[in-house]
Amino acid sequence: MSTNPADPLVALGALPGVPDAVDSVRKAVDRVYGHRVMRRRSNEVTSEAALRGARASAALSGADWALEEVRRRTDFSGDAEARTVGAALRLGAETGQLLSIWRQSPMRVLARLHLVATGDPGSPASAAAGGTAGVPADSVGRPRRDGEPVDEPGIEAPLPGAAEVAGRLDGLADLIVAGSSAPALVTAAVVHGELLALRPFTSYSGLVARAAERIVLIGSGLDPKAICPAEVGHAEQGRAAYVAAFEGYLSGTPEGMAAWISHCGRAVELGVRESTAVCEALQRGAA
């Protein structure tokens, strides 16, 4: 329930095509949650969704590894691609630990996500994946400053200045804390799009944006067991389609915003399809 009398996300939920996307996502999620495998083996589906989501998010950031290679590897410290995959895996392991903090202190969560992505040695999620080399320690977990280089493969949109980043992050945090009666898909898409637009950190902002989208989807109750990896759907639609939809978000027009939210909805549906296949494999004894 929104406690915000001026809830801008509600208007986005009413844009042409968005209600249909929201309804389609809800039906798809309900179907996979009704699968008989979910009654006794949901933890296995959750673990597999986290792995596949991490692989897909890394692919969108330029490290497109085969799933079995990600599953096989134990050392992710070798090169830039390996470190990106390791960062995505750490984020996948960390998101569930931050759900209770997100609504009270989203900025704290974003800082933590970046810290984990860059390889915080104090994080349990970092134990199985190598930390990131070449990231200045004083840039970790804080918004970037003017003049600092930003590494975000595949996203070439103009970078907002540091003052704009700070102001828009505060605005986003205020929206999250105030709450919204808009559907979870709408909130998740806006969080994802805004963080990708701002690229608030010097590295791994895309990974953090997709992890934050996942936190919203889980914490809202739409996907409480974290079995619907939207990252898989974003990657399956292709990086070109992802960037094109993101440009719609950047435009700020009703048509562009609706296209981005619908794209995110389709990503969730494709994530559902992936986990449905996992359920079927578990049922056959093939996984």
C-alpha atoms as a PDB file:
ATOM      1  CA  MET A   1       0.000   0.000   0.000  1.00  0.00           C
ATOM      2  CA  SER A   2       1.324   3.419  -0.911  1.00  0.00           C
ATOM      3  CA  THR A   3       1.857   5.959   1.837  1.00  0.00           C
ATOM      4  CA  ASN A   4       2.846   8.515  -0.771  1.00  0.00           C
ATOM      5  CA  PRO A   5       0.010  10.914  -1.649  1.00  0.00           C
ATOM      6  CA  ALA A   6       1.751  11.854  -4.910  1.00  0.00           C
ATOM      7  CA  ASP A   7       2.660   8.431  -6.253  1.00  0.00           C
ATOM      8  CA  PRO A   8       4.166   8.873  -9.753  1.00  0.00           C
ATOM      9  CA  LEU A   9       4.495   5.133 -10.322  1.00  0.00           C
ATOM     10  CA  VAL A  10       0.727   4.662 -10.354  1.00  0.00           C
ATOM     11  CA  ALA A  11       0.469   6.743 -13.519  1.00  0.00           C
ATOM     12  CA  LEU A  12       3.106   4.581 -15.189  1.00  0.00           C
ATOM     13  CA  GLY A  13       1.078   1.498 -14.325  1.00  0.00           C
ATOM     14  CA  ALA A  14      -1.827   2.895 -16.330  1.00  0.00           C
ATOM     15  CA  LEU A  15       0.131   3.561 -19.541  1.00  0.00           C
ATOM     16  CA  PRO A  16      -1.157   1.742 -22.658  1.00  0.00           C
ATOM     17  CA  GLY A  17       0.033  -1.858 -22.685  1.00  0.00           C
ATOM     18  CA  VAL A  18       1.352  -1.850 -19.122  1.00  0.00           C
ATOM     19  CA  PRO A  19      -1.754  -3.331 -17.426  1.00  0.00           C
ATOM     20  CA  ASP A  20      -1.689  -6.176 -19.940  1.00  0.00           C
ATOM     21  CA  ALA A  21       2.010  -6.766 -19.228  1.00  0.00           C
ATOM     22  CA  VAL A  22       1.363  -6.766 -15.479  1.00  0.00           C
ATOM     23  CA  ASP A  23      -1.513  -9.255 -15.871  1.00  0.00           C
ATOM     24  CA  SER A  24       0.528 -11.523 -18.124  1.00  0.00           C
ATOM     25  CA  VAL A  25       3.430 -11.574 -15.653  1.00  0.00           C
ATOM     26  CA  ARG A  26       1.141 -12.333 -12.728  1.00  0.00           C
ATOM     27  CA  LYS A  27      -0.447 -15.276 -14.558  1.00  0.00           C
ATOM     28  CA  ALA A  28       2.937 -16.661 -15.617  1.00  0.00           C
ATOM     29  CA  VAL A  29       4.341 -16.426 -12.078  1.00  0.00           C
ATOM     30  CA  ASP A  30       1.232 -18.097 -10.635  1.00  0.00           C
ATOM     31  CA  ARG A  31       1.621 -20.983 -13.074  1.00  0.00           C
ATOM     32  CA  VAL A  32       5.210 -21.794 -12.136  1.00  0.00           C
ATOM     33  CA  TYR A  33       4.438 -21.476  -8.424  1.00  0.00           C
ATOM     34  CA  GLY A  34       1.676 -24.023  -8.960  1.00  0.00           C
ATOM     35  CA  HIS A  35       4.051 -26.596 -10.444  1.00  0.00           C
ATOM     36  CA  ARG A  36       4.090 -29.783  -8.387  1.00  0.00           C
ATOM     37  CA  VAL A  37       7.912 -29.698  -8.065  1.00  0.00           C
ATOM     38  CA  MET A  38       7.611 -26.428  -6.142  1.00  0.00           C
ATOM     39  CA  ARG A  39       5.889 -28.228  -3.269  1.00  0.00           C
ATOM     40  CA  ARG A  40       8.991 -30.097  -2.141  1.00  0.00           C
ATOM     41  CA  ARG A  41      11.967 -28.916  -4.161  1.00  0.00           C
ATOM     42  CA  SER A  42      11.558 -25.161  -4.367  1.00  0.00           C
ATOM     43  CA  ASN A  43      14.990 -24.581  -2.814  1.00  0.00           C
ATOM     44  CA  GLU A  44      16.618 -26.367  -5.737  1.00  0.00           C
ATOM     45  CA  VAL A  45      14.665 -24.247  -8.213  1.00  0.00           C
ATOM     46  CA  THR A  46      15.673 -21.092  -6.327  1.00  0.00           C
ATOM     47  CA  SER A  47      19.357 -22.046  -6.425  1.00  0.00           C
ATOM     48  CA  GLU A  48      19.228 -22.823 -10.122  1.00  0.00           C
ATOM     49  CA  ALA A  49      17.386 -19.554 -10.851  1.00  0.00           C
ATOM     50  CA  ALA A  50      20.101 -17.608  -9.016  1.00  0.00           C
ATOM     51  CA  LEU A  51      22.831 -19.305 -11.034  1.00  0.00           C
ATOM     52  CA  ARG A  52      21.094 -18.782 -14.366  1.00  0.00           C
ATOM     53  CA  GLY A  53      20.180 -15.208 -13.490  1.00  0.00           C
ATOM     54  CA  ALA A  54      23.787 -14.415 -12.604  1.00  0.00           C
ATOM     55  CA  ARG A  55      25.057 -15.935 -15.848  1.00  0.00           C
ATOM     56  CA  ALA A  56      22.546 -13.885 -17.838  1.00  0.00           C
ATOM     57  CA  SER A  57      23.297 -10.622 -16.036  1.00  0.00           C
ATOM     58  CA  ALA A  58      27.012 -11.114 -16.652  1.00  0.00           C
ATOM     59  CA  ALA A  59      26.278 -11.745 -20.337  1.00  0.00           C
ATOM     60  CA  LEU A  60      24.500  -8.390 -20.572  1.00  0.00           C
ATOM     61  CA  SER A  61      27.650  -6.818 -19.105  1.00  0.00           C
ATOM     62  CA  GLY A  62      29.860  -8.390 -21.743  1.00  0.00           C
ATOM     63  CA  ALA A  63      30.808 -11.737 -20.166  1.00  0.00           C
ATOM     64  CA  ASP A  64      28.649 -14.201 -22.096  1.00  0.00           C
ATOM     65  CA  TRP A  65      29.720 -17.576 -20.714  1.00  0.00           C
ATOM     66  CA  ALA A  66      28.008 -20.904 -21.178  1.00  0.00           C
ATOM     67  CA  LEU A  67      25.982 -21.991 -18.158  1.00  0.00           C
ATOM     68  CA  GLU A  68      28.056 -25.130 -17.654  1.00  0.00           C
ATOM     69  CA  GLU A  69      31.255 -23.085 -17.649  1.00  0.00           C
ATOM     70  CA  VAL A  70      29.829 -20.890 -14.890  1.00  0.00           C
ATOM     71  CA  ARG A  71      28.735 -23.991 -12.999  1.00  0.00           C
ATOM     72  CA  ARG A  72      32.148 -25.656 -13.383  1.00  0.00           C
ATOM     73  CA  ARG A  73      34.387 -22.724 -12.462  1.00  0.00           C
ATOM     74  CA  THR A  74      35.634 -22.132  -8.937  1.00  0.00           C
ATOM     75  CA  ASP A  75      38.051 -19.263  -9.641  1.00  0.00           C
ATOM     76  CA  PHE A  76      36.699 -16.025 -11.067  1.00  0.00           C
ATOM     77  CA  SER A  77      39.738 -13.814 -10.577  1.00  0.00           C
ATOM     78  CA  GLY A  78      41.566 -14.444 -13.855  1.00  0.00           C
ATOM     79  CA  ASP A  79      40.485 -11.656 -16.206  1.00  0.00           C
ATOM     80  CA  ALA A  80      37.834  -8.980 -16.685  1.00  0.00           C
ATOM     81  CA  GLU A  81      35.172 -11.385 -17.969  1.00  0.00           C
ATOM     82  CA  ALA A  82      35.800 -13.837 -15.147  1.00  0.00           C
ATOM     83  CA  ARG A  83      35.586 -11.036 -12.603  1.00  0.00           C
ATOM     84  CA  THR A  84      32.284  -9.884 -14.101  1.00  0.00           C
ATOM     85  CA  VAL A  85      30.842 -13.396 -13.803  1.00  0.00           C
ATOM     86  CA  GLY A  86      32.147 -13.632 -10.242  1.00  0.00           C
ATOM     87  CA  ALA A  87      30.540 -10.285  -9.407  1.00  0.00           C
ATOM     88  CA  ALA A  88      27.188 -11.444 -10.799  1.00  0.00           C
ATOM     89  CA  LEU A  89      27.359 -14.666  -8.785  1.00  0.00           C
ATOM     90  CA  ARG A  90      28.139 -12.787  -5.590  1.00  0.00           C
ATOM     91  CA  LEU A  91      25.215 -10.445  -6.175  1.00  0.00           C
ATOM     92  CA  GLY A  92      22.903 -13.377  -6.792  1.00  0.00           C
ATOM     93  CA  ALA A  93      23.917 -14.845  -3.462  1.00  0.00           C
ATOM     94  CA  GLU A  94      23.557 -11.544  -1.624  1.00  0.00           C
ATOM     95  CA  THR A  95      20.171 -10.239  -2.761  1.00  0.00           C
ATOM     96  CA  GLY A  96      18.144 -12.433  -0.430  1.00  0.00           C
ATOM     97  CA  GLN A  97      20.044 -11.066   2.561  1.00  0.00           C
ATOM     98  CA  LEU A  98      19.012  -7.479   1.812  1.00  0.00           C
ATOM     99  CA  LEU A  99      15.246  -7.737   1.440  1.00  0.00           C
ATOM    100  CA  SER A 100      14.451  -6.492   4.933  1.00  0.00           C
ATOM    101  CA  ILE A 101      16.691  -3.441   4.513  1.00  0.00           C
ATOM    102  CA  TRP A 102      15.584  -2.330   1.050  1.00  0.00           C
ATOM    103  CA  ARG A 103      12.345  -0.554   1.980  1.00  0.00           C
ATOM    104  CA  GLN A 104      13.945   1.261   4.917  1.00  0.00           C
ATOM    105  CA  SER A 105      17.313   2.167   3.417  1.00  0.00           C
ATOM    106  CA  PRO A 106      17.655   1.557  -0.328  1.00  0.00           C
ATOM    107  CA  MET A 107      20.843   3.633  -0.542  1.00  0.00           C
ATOM    108  CA  ARG A 108      22.468   1.381   2.030  1.00  0.00           C
ATOM    109  CA  VAL A 109      21.469  -1.637  -0.030  1.00  0.00           C
ATOM    110  CA  LEU A 110      22.857  -0.160  -3.247  1.00  0.00           C
ATOM    111  CA  ALA A 111      26.149   0.598  -1.523  1.00  0.00           C
ATOM    112  CA  ARG A 112      26.265  -2.964  -0.220  1.00  0.00           C
ATOM    113  CA  LEU A 113      25.515  -4.413  -3.639  1.00  0.00           C
ATOM    114  CA  HIS A 114      28.400  -2.505  -5.176  1.00  0.00           C
ATOM    115  CA  LEU A 115      30.689  -3.535  -2.354  1.00  0.00           C
ATOM    116  CA  VAL A 116      29.765  -7.177  -2.920  1.00  0.00           C
ATOM    117  CA  ALA A 117      30.130  -6.892  -6.708  1.00  0.00           C
ATOM    118  CA  THR A 118      33.643  -5.518  -6.395  1.00  0.00           C
ATOM    119  CA  GLY A 119      34.633  -8.331  -4.086  1.00  0.00           C
ATOM    120  CA  ASP A 120      34.285  -7.298  -0.457  1.00  0.00           C
ATOM    121  CA  PRO A 121      36.518  -9.809   1.347  1.00  0.00           C
ATOM    122  CA  GLY A 122      34.233  -9.660   4.382  1.00  0.00           C
ATOM    123  CA  SER A 123      31.184 -10.899   2.508  1.00  0.00           C
ATOM    124  CA  PRO A 124      30.223 -14.593   2.730  1.00  0.00           C
ATOM    125  CA  ALA A 125      29.029 -14.306  -0.856  1.00  0.00           C
ATOM    126  CA  SER A 126      32.598 -13.534  -1.941  1.00  0.00           C
ATOM    127  CA  ALA A 127      34.043 -16.751  -0.629  1.00  0.00           C
ATOM    128  CA  ALA A 128      33.448 -18.709  -3.827  1.00  0.00           C
ATOM    129  CA  ALA A 129      34.328 -15.999  -6.338  1.00  0.00           C
ATOM    130  CA  GLY A 130      37.412 -13.878  -6.783  1.00  0.00           C
ATOM    131  CA  GLY A 131      37.290 -10.172  -5.984  1.00  0.00           C
ATOM    132  CA  THR A 132      37.756  -7.460  -8.552  1.00  0.00           C
ATOM    133  CA  ALA A 133      41.167  -6.122  -9.430  1.00  0.00           C
ATOM    134  CA  GLY A 134      41.731  -2.579 -10.562  1.00  0.00           C
ATOM    135  CA  VAL A 135      38.854  -0.896  -8.709  1.00  0.00           C
ATOM    136  CA  PRO A 136      40.128   1.886  -6.440  1.00  0.00           C
ATOM    137  CA  ALA A 137      39.164   1.112  -2.861  1.00  0.00           C
ATOM    138  CA  ASP A 138      37.844   4.611  -2.235  1.00  0.00           C
ATOM    139  CA  SER A 139      35.371   4.322  -5.134  1.00  0.00           C
ATOM    140  CA  VAL A 140      33.649   1.210  -3.804  1.00  0.00           C
ATOM    141  CA  GLY A 141      30.146   1.499  -2.377  1.00  0.00           C
ATOM    142  CA  ARG A 142      29.662   5.205  -3.039  1.00  0.00           C
ATOM    143  CA  PRO A 143      28.263   7.255  -5.939  1.00  0.00           C
ATOM    144  CA  ARG A 144      30.887   8.259  -8.481  1.00  0.00           C
ATOM    145  CA  ARG A 145      32.382  11.725  -8.604  1.00  0.00           C
ATOM    146  CA  ASP A 146      32.767  13.986 -11.596  1.00  0.00           C
ATOM    147  CA  GLY A 147      35.754  12.992 -13.702  1.00  0.00           C
ATOM    148  CA  GLU A 148      35.936   9.399 -12.478  1.00  0.00           C
ATOM    149  CA  PRO A 149      35.951   6.846 -15.314  1.00  0.00           C
ATOM    150  CA  VAL A 150      32.878   4.638 -15.647  1.00  0.00           C
ATOM    151  CA  ASP A 151      33.069   1.087 -16.947  1.00  0.00           C
ATOM    152  CA  GLU A 152      29.670  -0.132 -18.156  1.00  0.00           C
ATOM    153  CA  PRO A 153      29.958  -2.292 -21.294  1.00  0.00           C
ATOM    154  CA  GLY A 154      27.205  -1.954 -23.855  1.00  0.00           C
ATOM    155  CA  ILE A 155      25.593   1.192 -22.416  1.00  0.00           C
ATOM    156  CA  GLU A 156      26.676   4.307 -24.267  1.00  0.00           C
ATOM    157  CA  ALA A 157      24.015   6.784 -23.138  1.00  0.00           C
ATOM    158  CA  PRO A 158      25.332  10.140 -21.871  1.00  0.00           C
ATOM    159  CA  LEU A 159      26.433  10.049 -18.253  1.00  0.00           C
ATOM    160  CA  PRO A 160      24.671  12.395 -15.838  1.00  0.00           C
ATOM    161  CA  GLY A 161      26.964  14.538 -13.712  1.00  0.00           C
ATOM    162  CA  ALA A 162      27.643  13.672 -10.097  1.00  0.00           C
ATOM    163  CA  ALA A 163      25.224  16.276  -8.722  1.00  0.00           C
ATOM    164  CA  GLU A 164      22.405  14.956 -10.897  1.00  0.00           C
ATOM    165  CA  VAL A 165      23.233  11.384  -9.890  1.00  0.00           C
ATOM    166  CA  ALA A 166      23.074  12.293  -6.209  1.00  0.00           C
ATOM    167  CA  GLY A 167      19.772  14.123  -6.599  1.00  0.00           C
ATOM    168  CA  ARG A 168      18.097  11.384  -8.614  1.00  0.00           C
ATOM    169  CA  LEU A 169      19.345   8.668  -6.271  1.00  0.00           C
ATOM    170  CA  ASP A 170      17.785  10.575  -3.387  1.00  0.00           C
ATOM    171  CA  GLY A 171      14.538  10.827  -5.344  1.00  0.00           C
ATOM    172  CA  LEU A 172      14.550   7.110  -6.108  1.00  0.00           C
ATOM    173  CA  ALA A 173      15.249   6.284  -2.470  1.00  0.00           C
ATOM    174  CA  ASP A 174      12.379   8.532  -1.382  1.00  0.00           C
ATOM    175  CA  LEU A 175      10.018   6.678  -3.738  1.00  0.00           C
ATOM    176  CA  ILE A 176      11.050   3.308  -2.336  1.00  0.00           C
ATOM    177  CA  VAL A 177      10.757   4.385   1.293  1.00  0.00           C
ATOM    178  CA  ALA A 178       7.377   6.070   0.728  1.00  0.00           C
ATOM    179  CA  GLY A 179       6.015   2.962  -0.950  1.00  0.00           C
ATOM    180  CA  SER A 180       3.778   2.690  -3.977  1.00  0.00           C
ATOM    181  CA  SER A 181       0.511   1.040  -4.882  1.00  0.00           C
ATOM    182  CA  ALA A 182       1.822   0.493  -8.415  1.00  0.00           C
ATOM    183  CA  PRO A 183       2.375  -3.128  -9.486  1.00  0.00           C
ATOM    184  CA  ALA A 184       5.711  -4.682  -8.576  1.00  0.00           C
ATOM    185  CA  LEU A 185       6.661  -4.938 -12.245  1.00  0.00           C
ATOM    186  CA  VAL A 186       6.380  -1.165 -12.638  1.00  0.00           C
ATOM    187  CA  THR A 187       8.479  -0.418  -9.559  1.00  0.00           C
ATOM    188  CA  ALA A 188      11.102  -2.995 -10.530  1.00  0.00           C
ATOM    189  CA  ALA A 189      11.356  -1.627 -14.073  1.00  0.00           C
ATOM    190  CA  VAL A 190      11.775   1.953 -12.829  1.00  0.00           C
ATOM    191  CA  VAL A 191      14.444   0.967 -10.293  1.00  0.00           C
ATOM    192  CA  HIS A 192      16.314  -0.971 -12.973  1.00  0.00           C
ATOM    193  CA  GLY A 193      15.997   1.759 -15.588  1.00  0.00           C
ATOM    194  CA  GLU A 194      16.936   4.617 -13.274  1.00  0.00           C
ATOM    195  CA  LEU A 195      20.053   2.893 -11.954  1.00  0.00           C
ATOM    196  CA  LEU A 196      21.125   1.982 -15.475  1.00  0.00           C
ATOM    197  CA  ALA A 197      20.545   5.574 -16.598  1.00  0.00           C
ATOM    198  CA  LEU A 198      22.561   6.996 -13.716  1.00  0.00           C
ATOM    199  CA  ARG A 199      25.328   4.368 -13.651  1.00  0.00           C
ATOM    200  CA  PRO A 200      26.014   5.645 -10.129  1.00  0.00           C
ATOM    201  CA  PHE A 201      29.164   3.598  -9.558  1.00  0.00           C
ATOM    202  CA  THR A 202      32.444   3.503 -11.432  1.00  0.00           C
ATOM    203  CA  SER A 203      31.917  -0.203 -12.181  1.00  0.00           C
ATOM    204  CA  TYR A 204      29.208  -2.862 -12.239  1.00  0.00           C
ATOM    205  CA  SER A 205      26.263  -0.457 -12.239  1.00  0.00           C
ATOM    206  CA  GLY A 206      24.397  -2.686 -14.697  1.00  0.00           C
ATOM    207  CA  LEU A 207      24.842  -5.739 -12.483  1.00  0.00           C
ATOM    208  CA  VAL A 208      23.683  -3.698  -9.485  1.00  0.00           C
ATOM    209  CA  ALA A 209      20.657  -2.359 -11.408  1.00  0.00           C
ATOM    210  CA  ARG A 210      19.524  -5.861 -12.330  1.00  0.00           C
ATOM    211  CA  ALA A 211      20.122  -7.117  -8.779  1.00  0.00           C
ATOM    212  CA  ALA A 212      17.988  -4.253  -7.460  1.00  0.00           C
ATOM    213  CA  GLU A 213      15.236  -5.160  -9.924  1.00  0.00           C
ATOM    214  CA  ARG A 214      15.378  -8.694  -8.540  1.00  0.00           C
ATOM    215  CA  ILE A 215      15.145  -7.411  -4.952  1.00  0.00           C
ATOM    216  CA  VAL A 216      11.974  -5.485  -5.818  1.00  0.00           C
ATOM    217  CA  LEU A 217      10.354  -8.475  -7.505  1.00  0.00           C
ATOM    218  CA  ILE A 218      11.142 -10.737  -4.561  1.00  0.00           C
ATOM    219  CA  GLY A 219      10.429  -8.278  -1.763  1.00  0.00           C
ATOM    220  CA  SER A 220       7.113  -7.177  -3.269  1.00  0.00           C
ATOM    221  CA  GLY A 221       5.724 -10.686  -2.938  1.00  0.00           C
ATOM    222  CA  LEU A 222       5.441 -11.216  -6.689  1.00  0.00           C
ATOM    223  CA  ASP A 223       8.294 -13.752  -6.622  1.00  0.00           C
ATOM    224  CA  PRO A 224       8.939 -14.500  -2.924  1.00  0.00           C
ATOM    225  CA  LYS A 225      10.960 -17.666  -3.575  1.00  0.00           C
ATOM    226  CA  ALA A 226      13.168 -15.939  -6.185  1.00  0.00           C
ATOM    227  CA  ILE A 227      12.463 -18.432  -8.946  1.00  0.00           C
ATOM    228  CA  CYS A 228      11.667 -15.995 -11.791  1.00  0.00           C
ATOM    229  CA  PRO A 229      15.041 -14.602 -12.939  1.00  0.00           C
ATOM    230  CA  ALA A 230      14.266 -11.545 -15.058  1.00  0.00           C
ATOM    231  CA  GLU A 231      17.960 -11.355 -15.965  1.00  0.00           C
ATOM    232  CA  VAL A 232      17.515 -14.535 -18.014  1.00  0.00           C
ATOM    233  CA  GLY A 233      14.717 -12.905 -19.959  1.00  0.00           C
ATOM    234  CA  HIS A 234      16.655  -9.700 -20.540  1.00  0.00           C
ATOM    235  CA  ALA A 235      19.557 -11.712 -21.945  1.00  0.00           C
ATOM    236  CA  GLU A 236      17.318 -13.983 -24.017  1.00  0.00           C
ATOM    237  CA  GLN A 237      15.723 -11.007 -25.729  1.00  0.00           C
ATOM    238  CA  GLY A 238      19.231  -9.916 -26.703  1.00  0.00           C
ATOM    239  CA  ARG A 239      21.458  -7.016 -25.808  1.00  0.00           C
ATOM    240  CA  ALA A 240      20.256  -4.964 -28.795  1.00  0.00           C
ATOM    241  CA  ALA A 241      16.628  -5.247 -27.659  1.00  0.00           C
ATOM    242  CA  TYR A 242      17.678  -4.472 -24.077  1.00  0.00           C
ATOM    243  CA  VAL A 243      19.463  -1.294 -25.143  1.00  0.00           C
ATOM    244  CA  ALA A 244      16.597  -0.265 -27.448  1.00  0.00           C
ATOM    245  CA  ALA A 245      14.047  -0.671 -24.658  1.00  0.00           C
ATOM    246  CA  PHE A 246      16.344   1.200 -22.273  1.00  0.00           C
ATOM    247  CA  GLU A 247      16.481   4.084 -24.733  1.00  0.00           C
ATOM    248  CA  GLY A 248      12.706   4.229 -24.363  1.00  0.00           C
ATOM    249  CA  TYR A 249      13.172   4.682 -20.624  1.00  0.00           C
ATOM    250  CA  LEU A 250      15.739   7.411 -21.228  1.00  0.00           C
ATOM    251  CA  SER A 251      13.325   9.252 -23.511  1.00  0.00           C
ATOM    252  CA  GLY A 252      10.905   9.710 -20.619  1.00  0.00           C
ATOM    253  CA  THR A 253       7.950   9.680 -23.027  1.00  0.00           C
ATOM    254  CA  PRO A 254       4.824   7.677 -22.192  1.00  0.00           C
ATOM    255  CA  GLU A 255       5.486   5.409 -25.160  1.00  0.00           C
ATOM    256  CA  GLY A 256       9.113   4.885 -24.195  1.00  0.00           C
ATOM    257  CA  MET A 257       8.327   4.182 -20.558  1.00  0.00           C
ATOM    258  CA  ALA A 258       5.565   1.741 -21.503  1.00  0.00           C
ATOM    259  CA  ALA A 259       7.927  -0.061 -23.884  1.00  0.00           C
ATOM    260  CA  TRP A 260      10.582  -0.399 -21.159  1.00  0.00           C
ATOM    261  CA  ILE A 261       8.118  -1.694 -18.568  1.00  0.00           C
ATOM    262  CA  SER A 262       6.664  -4.150 -21.087  1.00  0.00           C
ATOM    263  CA  HIS A 263      10.173  -5.293 -21.991  1.00  0.00           C
ATOM    264  CA  CYS A 264      10.879  -5.938 -18.312  1.00  0.00           C
ATOM    265  CA  GLY A 265       7.599  -7.833 -18.063  1.00  0.00           C
ATOM    266  CA  ARG A 266       8.549 -10.042 -20.976  1.00  0.00           C
ATOM    267  CA  ALA A 267      11.906 -10.643 -19.266  1.00  0.00           C
ATOM    268  CA  VAL A 268      10.139 -11.917 -16.150  1.00  0.00           C
ATOM    269  CA  GLU A 269       7.940 -14.184 -18.267  1.00  0.00           C
ATOM    270  CA  LEU A 270      11.006 -15.648 -19.980  1.00  0.00           C
ATOM    271  CA  GLY A 271      12.586 -16.155 -16.560  1.00  0.00           C
ATOM    272  CA  VAL A 272       9.440 -18.037 -15.552  1.00  0.00           C
ATOM    273  CA  ARG A 273       9.777 -20.191 -18.658  1.00  0.00           C
ATOM    274  CA  GLU A 274      13.366 -20.998 -17.710  1.00  0.00           C
ATOM    275  CA  SER A 275      12.388 -22.071 -14.203  1.00  0.00           C
ATOM    276  CA  THR A 276       9.446 -24.063 -15.532  1.00  0.00           C
ATOM    277  CA  ALA A 277      11.947 -26.024 -17.629  1.00  0.00           C
ATOM    278  CA  VAL A 278      14.045 -26.559 -14.499  1.00  0.00           C
ATOM    279  CA  CYS A 279      10.959 -27.876 -12.680  1.00  0.00           C
ATOM    280  CA  GLU A 280      10.237 -30.251 -15.558  1.00  0.00           C
ATOM    281  CA  ALA A 281      13.824 -31.499 -15.534  1.00  0.00           C
ATOM    282  CA  LEU A 282      13.690 -32.106 -11.782  1.00  0.00           C
ATOM    283  CA  GLN A 283      10.421 -33.961 -12.220  1.00  0.00           C
ATOM    284  CA  ARG A 284      12.004 -36.232 -14.834  1.00  0.00           C
ATOM    285  CA  GLY A 285      15.080 -36.723 -12.685  1.00  0.00           C
ATOM    286  CA  ALA A 286      17.260 -35.030 -15.302  1.00  0.00           C
ATOM    287  CA  ALA A 287      18.544 -32.243 -13.058  1.00  0.00           C
END
